[in-house]
Amino acid sequence: MFRMLFHEPCIPPNTGNAIRLAANTGCELHLVEPLGFDLSEPKVKRAGLDYHDMATVSVHSDLLTAWGALAPKRVYAFTAHADTFYTDIKYEAGDVLLFGPEPTGLSDQVLADPHITETVRIPMLPGRRSLNLANAASIVIYEAWRQHGFPGAV
């Protein structure tokens, strides 16, 4: 399936919601440290409810380590500064969907990483800074899953 990669996430409930998203869609969640919280924090657990045991979650010490573990063929980095819409991508199993930390998004350094296939955006009205991280990931994961006919879903 697809792989969500959160680079240095900061807000515990967003990661908890992403754990729940991973459990309900069959995608993997990969987190790149430093995290702005401890995964055992009550806010993470509360947002993930009882889905922690049903999700595949991996934590990587840095982005280089994540690339080594993921060995990605294609990486889509989500940023408000891209021209390509998320709906323009024909997603393939194994794609890595990279999202940045809540307050800042992906840094220029991360966006310049040679592993990134393309930068992609989720359209929004003008004058808005960003979507909630877990909401943005949900939009993209469900579009990718939809394109494949929702395999395994009921």
C-alpha atoms as a PDB file:
ATOM      1  CA  MET A   1       0.000   0.000   0.000  1.00  0.00           C
ATOM      2  CA  PHE A   2       1.093   3.611   0.424  1.00  0.00           C
ATOM      3  CA  ARG A   3       3.524   5.011   2.956  1.00  0.00           C
ATOM      4  CA  MET A   4       2.988   8.268   4.850  1.00  0.00           C
ATOM      5  CA  LEU A   5       6.163   9.929   6.000  1.00  0.00           C
ATOM      6  CA  PHE A   6       5.845  12.685   8.596  1.00  0.00           C
ATOM      7  CA  HIS A   7       9.034  14.711   8.854  1.00  0.00           C
ATOM      8  CA  GLU A   8       9.532  15.960  12.418  1.00  0.00           C
ATOM      9  CA  PRO A   9       5.861  16.141  13.457  1.00  0.00           C
ATOM     10  CA  CYS A  10       5.149  18.416  16.416  1.00  0.00           C
ATOM     11  CA  ILE A  11       1.521  18.003  17.501  1.00  0.00           C
ATOM     12  CA  PRO A  12       0.670  14.740  19.301  1.00  0.00           C
ATOM     13  CA  PRO A  13      -3.012  14.440  18.285  1.00  0.00           C
ATOM     14  CA  ASN A  14      -2.103  14.777  14.593  1.00  0.00           C
ATOM     15  CA  THR A  15       0.182  11.770  14.814  1.00  0.00           C
ATOM     16  CA  GLY A  16      -2.445   9.890  16.804  1.00  0.00           C
ATOM     17  CA  ASN A  17      -4.957  10.599  14.050  1.00  0.00           C
ATOM     18  CA  ALA A  18      -2.423   9.455  11.443  1.00  0.00           C
ATOM     19  CA  ILE A  19      -2.015   6.185  13.362  1.00  0.00           C
ATOM     20  CA  ARG A  20      -5.765   5.728  13.125  1.00  0.00           C
ATOM     21  CA  LEU A  21      -5.635   6.586   9.397  1.00  0.00           C
ATOM     22  CA  ALA A  22      -2.913   3.991   8.848  1.00  0.00           C
ATOM     23  CA  ALA A  23      -4.903   1.343  10.698  1.00  0.00           C
ATOM     24  CA  ASN A  24      -8.060   2.041   8.713  1.00  0.00           C
ATOM     25  CA  THR A  25      -6.475   2.193   5.258  1.00  0.00           C
ATOM     26  CA  GLY A  26      -3.623  -0.313   5.482  1.00  0.00           C
ATOM     27  CA  CYS A  27      -0.959   2.278   4.719  1.00  0.00           C
ATOM     28  CA  GLU A  28       2.222   2.569   6.748  1.00  0.00           C
ATOM     29  CA  LEU A  29       3.149   5.564   8.900  1.00  0.00           C
ATOM     30  CA  HIS A  30       6.806   6.533   9.137  1.00  0.00           C
ATOM     31  CA  LEU A  31       7.950   9.269  11.513  1.00  0.00           C
ATOM     32  CA  VAL A  32      11.263  11.117  11.267  1.00  0.00           C
ATOM     33  CA  GLU A  33      12.781  12.393  14.511  1.00  0.00           C
ATOM     34  CA  PRO A  34      12.982  14.623  16.307  1.00  0.00           C
ATOM     35  CA  LEU A  35       9.338  14.293  17.264  1.00  0.00           C
ATOM     36  CA  GLY A  36       7.756  17.150  19.174  1.00  0.00           C
ATOM     37  CA  PHE A  37       6.351  14.655  21.682  1.00  0.00           C
ATOM     38  CA  ASP A  38       6.739  11.155  23.076  1.00  0.00           C
ATOM     39  CA  LEU A  39       4.637   8.513  21.323  1.00  0.00           C
ATOM     40  CA  SER A  40       3.397   7.332  24.712  1.00  0.00           C
ATOM     41  CA  GLU A  41       1.849  10.742  25.487  1.00  0.00           C
ATOM     42  CA  PRO A  42      -1.851  10.561  26.371  1.00  0.00           C
ATOM     43  CA  LYS A  43      -2.789  12.947  23.518  1.00  0.00           C
ATOM     44  CA  VAL A  44      -1.258  10.580  20.939  1.00  0.00           C
ATOM     45  CA  LYS A  45      -2.890   7.553  22.510  1.00  0.00           C
ATOM     46  CA  ARG A  46      -6.271   9.269  22.831  1.00  0.00           C
ATOM     47  CA  ALA A  47      -6.305  10.350  19.163  1.00  0.00           C
ATOM     48  CA  GLY A  48      -5.217   6.889  18.017  1.00  0.00           C
ATOM     49  CA  LEU A  49      -7.731   5.262  20.364  1.00  0.00           C
ATOM     50  CA  ASP A  50      -7.325   1.497  20.198  1.00  0.00           C
ATOM     51  CA  TYR A  51      -5.800   1.515  16.705  1.00  0.00           C
ATOM     52  CA  HIS A  52      -2.138   1.472  17.754  1.00  0.00           C
ATOM     53  CA  ASP A  53      -1.935  -2.320  17.524  1.00  0.00           C
ATOM     54  CA  MET A  54      -3.592  -2.346  14.082  1.00  0.00           C
ATOM     55  CA  ALA A  55      -1.248   0.199  12.471  1.00  0.00           C
ATOM     56  CA  THR A  56       2.238  -0.144  11.068  1.00  0.00           C
ATOM     57  CA  VAL A  57       4.266   2.694  12.565  1.00  0.00           C
ATOM     58  CA  SER A  58       8.042   3.112  12.264  1.00  0.00           C
ATOM     59  CA  VAL A  59      10.237   5.811  13.775  1.00  0.00           C
ATOM     60  CA  HIS A  60      13.472   6.836  12.052  1.00  0.00           C
ATOM     61  CA  SER A  61      16.257   8.849  13.654  1.00  0.00           C
ATOM     62  CA  ASP A  62      16.652  11.099  10.606  1.00  0.00           C
ATOM     63  CA  LEU A  63      15.589  11.415   6.981  1.00  0.00           C
ATOM     64  CA  LEU A  64      18.611   9.534   5.637  1.00  0.00           C
ATOM     65  CA  THR A  65      17.757   6.564   7.855  1.00  0.00           C
ATOM     66  CA  ALA A  66      14.142   6.724   6.656  1.00  0.00           C
ATOM     67  CA  TRP A  67      15.263   6.636   3.008  1.00  0.00           C
ATOM     68  CA  GLY A  68      17.411   3.598   3.772  1.00  0.00           C
ATOM     69  CA  ALA A  69      14.491   1.751   5.360  1.00  0.00           C
ATOM     70  CA  LEU A  70      11.918   2.790   2.758  1.00  0.00           C
ATOM     71  CA  ALA A  71      14.092   2.445  -0.379  1.00  0.00           C
ATOM     72  CA  PRO A  72      11.527   4.585  -2.188  1.00  0.00           C
ATOM     73  CA  LYS A  73      10.952   4.456  -5.911  1.00  0.00           C
ATOM     74  CA  ARG A  74       8.732   7.558  -5.825  1.00  0.00           C
ATOM     75  CA  VAL A  75       8.370  10.267  -3.169  1.00  0.00           C
ATOM     76  CA  TYR A  76       5.763  13.002  -3.304  1.00  0.00           C
ATOM     77  CA  ALA A  77       6.442  15.951  -1.021  1.00  0.00           C
ATOM     78  CA  PHE A  78       3.405  18.018  -0.049  1.00  0.00           C
ATOM     79  CA  THR A  79       3.870  21.762   0.104  1.00  0.00           C
ATOM     80  CA  ALA A  80       1.736  24.860  -0.458  1.00  0.00           C
ATOM     81  CA  HIS A  81       4.450  26.040  -2.870  1.00  0.00           C
ATOM     82  CA  ALA A  82       3.946  23.346  -5.534  1.00  0.00           C
ATOM     83  CA  ASP A  83       2.081  23.681  -8.826  1.00  0.00           C
ATOM     84  CA  THR A  84       0.924  20.055  -9.205  1.00  0.00           C
ATOM     85  CA  PHE A  85      -2.333  19.114  -7.477  1.00  0.00           C
ATOM     86  CA  TYR A  86      -2.545  15.873  -5.502  1.00  0.00           C
ATOM     87  CA  THR A  87      -5.315  14.724  -7.870  1.00  0.00           C
ATOM     88  CA  ASP A  88      -2.936  14.973 -10.853  1.00  0.00           C
ATOM     89  CA  ILE A  89      -0.774  12.112  -9.565  1.00  0.00           C
ATOM     90  CA  LYS A  90      -1.368   8.488 -10.561  1.00  0.00           C
ATOM     91  CA  TYR A  91      -0.347   6.864  -7.286  1.00  0.00           C
ATOM     92  CA  GLU A  92       1.384   3.499  -7.187  1.00  0.00           C
ATOM     93  CA  ALA A  93       1.654   1.001  -4.347  1.00  0.00           C
ATOM     94  CA  GLY A  94       4.773   1.771  -2.345  1.00  0.00           C
ATOM     95  CA  ASP A  95       4.716   5.508  -3.033  1.00  0.00           C
ATOM     96  CA  VAL A  96       5.980   7.636  -0.158  1.00  0.00           C
ATOM     97  CA  LEU A  97       3.810  10.636   0.697  1.00  0.00           C
ATOM     98  CA  LEU A  98       5.956  13.127   2.601  1.00  0.00           C
ATOM     99  CA  PHE A  99       4.442  15.765   4.887  1.00  0.00           C
ATOM    100  CA  GLY A 100       6.251  18.402   6.933  1.00  0.00           C
ATOM    101  CA  PRO A 101       5.954  19.607  10.512  1.00  0.00           C
ATOM    102  CA  GLU A 102       2.802  21.478  11.459  1.00  0.00           C
ATOM    103  CA  PRO A 103       4.099  24.956  12.124  1.00  0.00           C
ATOM    104  CA  THR A 104       6.407  25.311   9.115  1.00  0.00           C
ATOM    105  CA  GLY A 105       5.910  22.609   6.498  1.00  0.00           C
ATOM    106  CA  LEU A 106       8.853  21.023   4.735  1.00  0.00           C
ATOM    107  CA  SER A 107      12.064  23.050   4.737  1.00  0.00           C
ATOM    108  CA  ASP A 108      13.808  24.081   1.508  1.00  0.00           C
ATOM    109  CA  GLN A 109      16.570  21.621   2.396  1.00  0.00           C
ATOM    110  CA  VAL A 110      14.127  18.700   2.603  1.00  0.00           C
ATOM    111  CA  LEU A 111      12.327  19.807  -0.566  1.00  0.00           C
ATOM    112  CA  ALA A 112      15.685  19.762  -2.400  1.00  0.00           C
ATOM    113  CA  ASP A 113      16.355  16.128  -1.387  1.00  0.00           C
ATOM    114  CA  PRO A 114      17.106  14.060  -4.506  1.00  0.00           C
ATOM    115  CA  HIS A 115      14.745  11.289  -3.336  1.00  0.00           C
ATOM    116  CA  ILE A 116      11.757  13.564  -3.979  1.00  0.00           C
ATOM    117  CA  THR A 117      10.064  12.762  -7.272  1.00  0.00           C
ATOM    118  CA  GLU A 118       7.757  15.764  -7.276  1.00  0.00           C
ATOM    119  CA  THR A 119       6.320  18.449  -5.031  1.00  0.00           C
ATOM    120  CA  VAL A 120       2.542  18.406  -4.775  1.00  0.00           C
ATOM    121  CA  ARG A 121      -0.139  20.644  -3.287  1.00  0.00           C
ATOM    122  CA  ILE A 122      -3.645  20.328  -1.935  1.00  0.00           C
ATOM    123  CA  PRO A 123      -5.669  23.288  -3.240  1.00  0.00           C
ATOM    124  CA  MET A 124      -6.973  25.802  -0.724  1.00  0.00           C
ATOM    125  CA  LEU A 125      -8.524  29.230  -0.804  1.00  0.00           C
ATOM    126  CA  PRO A 126      -6.028  32.108  -1.004  1.00  0.00           C
ATOM    127  CA  GLY A 127      -4.685  33.662   2.165  1.00  0.00           C
ATOM    128  CA  ARG A 128      -4.743  30.422   4.150  1.00  0.00           C
ATOM    129  CA  ARG A 129      -1.499  29.051   5.541  1.00  0.00           C
ATOM    130  CA  SER A 130      -2.120  25.301   5.627  1.00  0.00           C
ATOM    131  CA  LEU A 131      -4.391  22.392   6.420  1.00  0.00           C
ATOM    132  CA  ASN A 132      -4.138  20.321   9.568  1.00  0.00           C
ATOM    133  CA  LEU A 133      -1.422  17.678   9.054  1.00  0.00           C
ATOM    134  CA  ALA A 134      -3.640  14.660   9.718  1.00  0.00           C
ATOM    135  CA  ASN A 135      -6.400  16.093   7.517  1.00  0.00           C
ATOM    136  CA  ALA A 136      -3.970  16.714   4.657  1.00  0.00           C
ATOM    137  CA  ALA A 137      -2.613  13.179   4.908  1.00  0.00           C
ATOM    138  CA  SER A 138      -6.165  11.787   4.965  1.00  0.00           C
ATOM    139  CA  ILE A 139      -7.129  13.652   1.798  1.00  0.00           C
ATOM    140  CA  VAL A 140      -4.142  12.262  -0.086  1.00  0.00           C
ATOM    141  CA  ILE A 141      -4.250   8.707   1.286  1.00  0.00           C
ATOM    142  CA  TYR A 142      -7.916   8.349   0.416  1.00  0.00           C
ATOM    143  CA  GLU A 143      -7.327   9.675  -3.116  1.00  0.00           C
ATOM    144  CA  ALA A 144      -4.464   7.212  -3.636  1.00  0.00           C
ATOM    145  CA  TRP A 145      -6.536   4.360  -2.203  1.00  0.00           C
ATOM    146  CA  ARG A 146      -9.555   5.376  -4.329  1.00  0.00           C
ATOM    147  CA  GLN A 147      -7.436   5.233  -7.475  1.00  0.00           C
ATOM    148  CA  HIS A 148      -6.706   1.586  -6.679  1.00  0.00           C
ATOM    149  CA  GLY A 149     -10.348   0.677  -5.992  1.00  0.00           C
ATOM    150  CA  PHE A 150     -10.051   0.616  -2.178  1.00  0.00           C
ATOM    151  CA  PRO A 151      -8.475  -2.884  -1.999  1.00  0.00           C
ATOM    152  CA  GLY A 152      -9.358  -4.715   1.192  1.00  0.00           C
ATOM    153  CA  ALA A 153     -12.101  -2.270   2.163  1.00  0.00           C
ATOM    154  CA  VAL A 154     -15.615  -3.235   3.178  1.00  0.00           C
END
